[in-house]
Structure formats: structure tokens, C-alpha cells
Amino acid sequence: MLTAHVIILSEGLDPIREKSFSFRPFAWREEHEDAVAIHGITKEVALTFPEKKKEIVSLLDFVGEPTIFCCHANRRSGKAGGALVTFDYAMMKQECLDAGILYSFYSIFPTDKIISTHSLCVSLGVSGSKEGRASHSLDSISKLLGIELKHHDAKSDAWACANILLHCSKHGDIFELAEKDWENVSERSFVAREKKRAKSEPDARGESTWIQSRSGSPATV
């Protein structure tokens, strides 16, 4: 079982509400190295967990409106034309695909509205250290900023990300920096392909509106 802890922040980055959601991790056609390395979940292990489709629907209902997806991503996915489609984002997207609500997912979390606190730290020169080297990992930055962290615990990771976001906001315009990230990725063909894919999937809630809004408040996951 995997747990996603969602913290909704206001545009001023004040915490509004939070909640944890537990669901079965999706099984890739190919085993995902992060799931194995971080959580010890192989494809065979994943298939032993009960499905929790209602949880992912509840998560989207909890967020409720187009929102900027924020996490501590440290790399881009080549499959997304360089876009920041992270492990966490991909996992929830697949759950929504399995549940037949992919349109709902994209309505809440547009593909080109992802803030990486890792990228913000790199841009702003906020750097911790690990094994004698500069590091922008979640645990390194948390240690640098005095943030209590129980790494790979969903709630602790989410709050660490939220606090790093708040720290970065005091040293630069996080939305301007994120905007550069969004504008610098060439993902139009990817988004068009995913829109087409979403249209081909039945939506359990009957939604058919593709929403991409530049407004919205961050949610750390």
C-alpha cells in the first residue's frame, strides 16, 4: 500500500488543509526502478495489494480545483518532452487512468503546471551536502534548513516540500522561476497525445473539459 499526503496551500503559501490517501501502487508493464529501490515494490508485490480506486477519486475531490502540483523532483522524463512528470505525478495519473477518470486528473493537475522544489533550490543556490558533495536532495535541503524529516514517509515528505517551497519564496519569485520551467519545455506534442488518450478513455464522472489554468494554489504531494 502506498500513501499520498496532500497539503493544500493558499496563493500566499499558507497551509489550508491536509489529508492522507492510501491506495495500491499501479503496476507498470515494465518494473519501475524507483518503486523497487525506494519502496521495495516489485511488479509481483504490487499486484498483491488491493485496489483503492475510490481513494484517488477522493484525492481529486479533496483538491477540488485546478492546482499547481508541487513535489521535490530532481529530473525530467524524456517521455514527456522534458517536462517535469515525476514518479509521484505519474503514479497518480496511472491510478486515474485505471479508474477511468484521466480527464478529471488533468483538470485538477495540468501537465505543464508542476513546481519542483529541487529545481527552485538549484536556481536560487540553496544547497545542502551529502558525502562531501553539494546536494539538493530532499533530506540534504531539509537538514540545511533545519526541517524535521522522516524520509519516504508521505506526510513528512510533503511537509518538508511545503517548508522548502516557503523558504524559496522568501529568496525569489517561485512562480516566475517555475514559469521559466514551464515555458522552456517542449511538450505540446506530448500534451496533445495525452489529451487524445484521455478522450479515448471513459470518464467515470462524465467530465469532458480540458482545463489548463495558470492560476491556482500549490499542493505538495
Protein backbone atom coordinates (compact mmCIF):
# COMPACT_ATOMS: atom_id res chain seq x y z
CA MET A 1 0.00 0.00 0.00
CA LEU A 2 1.25 3.49 -0.84
CA THR A 3 0.20 6.69 0.86
CA ALA A 4 -0.05 10.13 -0.71
CA HIS A 5 -0.22 13.03 1.73
CA VAL A 6 -1.69 16.18 0.20
CA ILE A 7 -1.22 19.64 1.67
CA ILE A 8 -3.22 22.43 0.07
CA LEU A 9 -1.55 25.84 0.27
CA SER A 10 -3.06 29.24 -0.42
CA GLU A 11 -1.56 31.53 -3.06
CA GLY A 12 0.30 33.12 -0.14
CA LEU A 13 1.62 29.63 0.74
CA ASP A 14 -0.32 29.31 3.97
CA PRO A 15 -1.50 25.76 4.74
CA ILE A 16 -5.26 25.44 4.23
CA ARG A 17 -5.93 21.73 4.75
CA GLU A 18 -4.23 18.36 4.53
CA LYS A 19 -5.18 14.72 4.21
CA SER A 20 -3.60 11.32 3.57
CA PHE A 21 -4.81 8.86 0.93
CA SER A 22 -3.76 5.21 0.68
CA PHE A 23 -4.04 3.13 -2.48
CA ARG A 24 -2.50 0.25 -4.36
CA PRO A 25 0.53 1.30 -6.41
CA PHE A 26 -0.01 0.82 -10.13
CA ALA A 27 1.82 -1.99 -11.91
CA TRP A 28 3.88 -0.88 -14.90
CA ARG A 29 4.32 -3.17 -17.87
CA GLU A 30 7.97 -2.78 -17.00
CA GLU A 31 9.08 -2.74 -13.38
CA HIS A 32 9.75 0.80 -12.16
CA GLU A 33 13.20 1.24 -10.64
CA ASP A 34 12.05 3.88 -8.13
CA ALA A 35 9.28 1.68 -6.76
CA VAL A 36 11.74 -1.16 -6.27
CA ALA A 37 14.67 0.91 -4.95
CA ILE A 38 12.70 3.20 -2.61
CA HIS A 39 9.76 1.09 -1.50
CA GLY A 40 10.86 -2.46 -2.38
CA ILE A 41 7.76 -2.88 -4.53
CA THR A 42 8.26 -5.15 -7.49
CA LYS A 43 5.52 -5.73 -10.05
CA GLU A 44 4.66 -9.01 -8.35
CA VAL A 45 4.39 -7.34 -4.93
CA ALA A 46 2.24 -4.52 -6.31
CA LEU A 47 -0.27 -6.98 -7.68
CA THR A 48 -0.84 -8.42 -4.20
CA PHE A 49 -2.24 -5.11 -2.89
CA PRO A 50 -5.98 -4.46 -3.05
CA GLU A 51 -7.10 -1.79 -5.49
CA LYS A 52 -8.08 1.54 -3.99
CA LYS A 53 -9.70 3.34 -6.89
CA LYS A 54 -12.08 5.27 -4.65
CA GLU A 55 -9.11 6.80 -2.84
CA ILE A 56 -7.71 8.51 -5.92
CA VAL A 57 -11.17 9.89 -6.72
CA SER A 58 -11.38 11.16 -3.13
CA LEU A 59 -7.96 12.78 -3.52
CA LEU A 60 -9.11 14.74 -6.59
CA ASP A 61 -12.32 15.73 -4.85
CA PHE A 62 -10.27 16.88 -1.86
CA VAL A 63 -8.14 19.19 -4.04
CA GLY A 64 -11.24 20.28 -5.94
CA GLU A 65 -9.93 22.82 -8.48
CA PRO A 66 -7.06 23.34 -10.95
CA THR A 67 -3.96 23.30 -8.80
CA ILE A 68 -0.21 23.53 -9.23
CA PHE A 69 1.37 20.16 -8.44
CA CYS A 70 4.45 20.62 -6.24
CA CYS A 71 7.00 17.97 -5.32
CA HIS A 72 10.75 17.62 -4.87
CA ALA A 73 11.54 16.27 -8.34
CA ASN A 74 15.19 16.09 -9.37
CA ARG A 75 14.92 15.08 -13.01
CA ARG A 76 12.78 15.26 -16.09
CA SER A 77 11.13 12.49 -18.01
CA GLY A 78 12.24 12.11 -21.61
CA LYS A 79 8.85 10.63 -22.48
CA ALA A 80 7.28 13.97 -21.63
CA GLY A 81 9.48 16.01 -23.94
CA GLY A 82 11.49 17.21 -20.96
CA ALA A 83 8.51 18.04 -18.78
CA LEU A 84 8.64 17.51 -15.04
CA VAL A 85 6.46 14.41 -14.97
CA THR A 86 7.69 12.85 -11.77
CA PHE A 87 7.26 9.47 -10.12
CA ASP A 88 4.54 10.85 -7.83
CA TYR A 89 2.66 12.55 -10.67
CA ALA A 90 2.95 9.51 -12.94
CA MET A 91 1.75 7.18 -10.19
CA MET A 92 -1.42 9.16 -9.53
CA LYS A 93 -2.04 9.70 -13.24
CA GLN A 94 -1.94 5.94 -13.81
CA GLU A 95 -4.33 5.35 -10.92
CA CYS A 96 -6.73 7.80 -12.57
CA LEU A 97 -6.30 6.06 -15.92
CA ASP A 98 -7.11 2.72 -14.27
CA ALA A 99 -10.17 4.27 -12.62
CA GLY A 100 -11.37 5.84 -15.88
CA ILE A 101 -11.02 9.44 -14.66
CA LEU A 102 -7.93 10.64 -16.51
CA TYR A 103 -9.74 13.78 -17.65
CA SER A 104 -10.52 14.59 -14.04
CA PHE A 105 -6.85 14.23 -13.12
CA TYR A 106 -5.68 16.57 -15.89
CA SER A 107 -8.37 19.06 -14.91
CA ILE A 108 -7.01 19.21 -11.37
CA PHE A 109 -3.30 18.80 -12.15
CA PRO A 110 -2.42 20.16 -15.64
CA THR A 111 0.72 18.54 -17.08
CA ASP A 112 2.52 21.86 -17.51
CA LYS A 113 1.84 23.14 -14.00
CA ILE A 114 4.35 21.28 -11.86
CA ILE A 115 6.72 23.06 -9.48
CA SER A 116 9.89 21.28 -8.48
CA THR A 117 11.33 22.48 -5.18
CA HIS A 118 14.54 20.73 -6.25
CA SER A 119 14.75 22.98 -9.32
CA LEU A 120 13.94 26.04 -7.20
CA CYS A 121 16.80 25.21 -4.84
CA VAL A 122 19.19 24.82 -7.78
CA SER A 123 18.07 28.13 -9.31
CA LEU A 124 18.31 30.01 -6.00
CA GLY A 125 21.62 28.45 -4.93
CA VAL A 126 20.13 26.66 -1.92
CA SER A 127 22.40 23.66 -1.50
CA GLY A 128 22.96 21.09 1.20
CA SER A 129 25.69 18.47 1.26
CA LYS A 130 25.92 14.70 1.14
CA GLU A 131 29.11 12.68 1.38
CA GLY A 132 31.20 15.82 0.97
CA ARG A 133 29.40 16.94 -2.18
CA ALA A 134 26.81 19.60 -2.89
CA SER A 135 23.33 18.08 -2.82
CA HIS A 136 19.82 19.30 -3.50
CA SER A 137 18.12 16.11 -2.31
CA LEU A 138 15.11 16.40 -0.02
CA ASP A 139 16.98 15.10 3.01
CA SER A 140 20.03 17.34 2.36
CA ILE A 141 17.97 20.51 1.94
CA SER A 142 15.80 19.62 4.94
CA LYS A 143 18.90 19.20 7.08
CA LEU A 144 20.31 22.51 5.82
CA LEU A 145 17.11 24.38 6.67
CA GLY A 146 16.52 22.61 9.97
CA ILE A 147 13.38 20.88 8.73
CA GLU A 148 12.47 17.69 10.57
CA LEU A 149 12.20 14.86 8.06
CA LYS A 150 11.37 11.18 8.16
CA HIS A 151 12.31 10.45 4.57
CA HIS A 152 9.89 8.39 2.42
CA ASP A 153 7.14 8.97 4.96
CA ALA A 154 4.40 10.61 2.88
CA LYS A 155 3.30 13.18 5.46
CA SER A 156 6.83 14.10 6.47
CA ASP A 157 7.99 14.39 2.85
CA ALA A 158 5.00 16.59 1.95
CA TRP A 159 5.59 18.97 4.85
CA ALA A 160 9.31 19.14 4.07
CA CYS A 161 8.46 20.06 0.48
CA ALA A 162 5.99 22.71 1.68
CA ASN A 163 8.57 24.24 4.01
CA ILE A 164 11.24 24.25 1.31
CA LEU A 165 8.76 25.97 -1.01
CA LEU A 166 8.12 28.60 1.67
CA HIS A 167 11.87 29.12 2.18
CA CYS A 168 12.44 29.54 -1.56
CA SER A 169 9.57 32.04 -1.78
CA LYS A 170 11.49 34.32 0.61
CA HIS A 171 14.50 34.37 -1.71
CA GLY A 172 12.95 34.64 -5.15
CA ASP A 173 9.77 34.65 -7.18
CA ILE A 174 8.94 30.94 -7.22
CA PHE A 175 6.16 31.34 -9.75
CA GLU A 176 8.40 33.27 -12.14
CA LEU A 177 11.09 30.61 -11.83
CA ALA A 178 8.51 27.87 -12.35
CA GLU A 179 7.09 29.74 -15.34
CA LYS A 180 10.50 29.56 -16.99
CA ASP A 181 10.49 25.83 -16.39
CA TRP A 182 7.07 25.51 -17.97
CA GLU A 183 7.99 27.69 -20.96
CA ASN A 184 11.34 26.01 -21.56
CA VAL A 185 9.92 22.53 -22.07
CA SER A 186 8.71 21.49 -25.50
CA GLU A 187 5.75 19.32 -24.64
CA ARG A 188 2.95 20.42 -26.94
CA SER A 189 3.01 17.15 -28.83
CA PHE A 190 3.04 15.24 -25.53
CA VAL A 191 0.07 17.16 -24.15
CA ALA A 192 -1.83 16.71 -27.42
CA ARG A 193 -1.12 12.98 -27.34
CA GLU A 194 -2.25 12.70 -23.72
CA LYS A 195 -5.41 14.68 -24.44
CA LYS A 196 -6.23 12.29 -27.27
CA ARG A 197 -5.52 9.35 -24.98
CA ALA A 198 -7.75 10.81 -22.26
CA LYS A 199 -10.61 11.26 -24.72
CA SER A 200 -10.39 7.61 -25.64
CA GLU A 201 -10.86 6.59 -22.01
CA PRO A 202 -14.36 6.59 -20.45
CA ASP A 203 -14.55 9.07 -17.58
CA ALA A 204 -16.40 7.64 -14.60
CA ARG A 205 -17.59 11.12 -13.61
CA GLY A 206 -18.64 12.15 -17.11
CA GLU A 207 -16.21 15.06 -17.35
CA SER A 208 -15.07 16.21 -20.77
CA THR A 209 -13.45 19.58 -20.13
CA TRP A 210 -9.72 20.02 -20.60
CA ILE A 211 -8.63 22.69 -18.12
CA GLN A 212 -5.24 24.39 -18.20
CA SER A 213 -5.12 27.35 -15.84
CA ARG A 214 -2.12 29.45 -14.91
CA SER A 215 -3.89 30.47 -11.73
CA GLY A 216 -4.25 28.24 -8.74
CA SER A 217 -2.53 27.41 -5.49
CA PRO A 218 0.15 24.78 -4.92
CA ALA A 219 -0.49 21.38 -3.45
CA THR A 220 2.52 19.46 -2.18
CA VAL A 221 2.38 15.69 -2.52
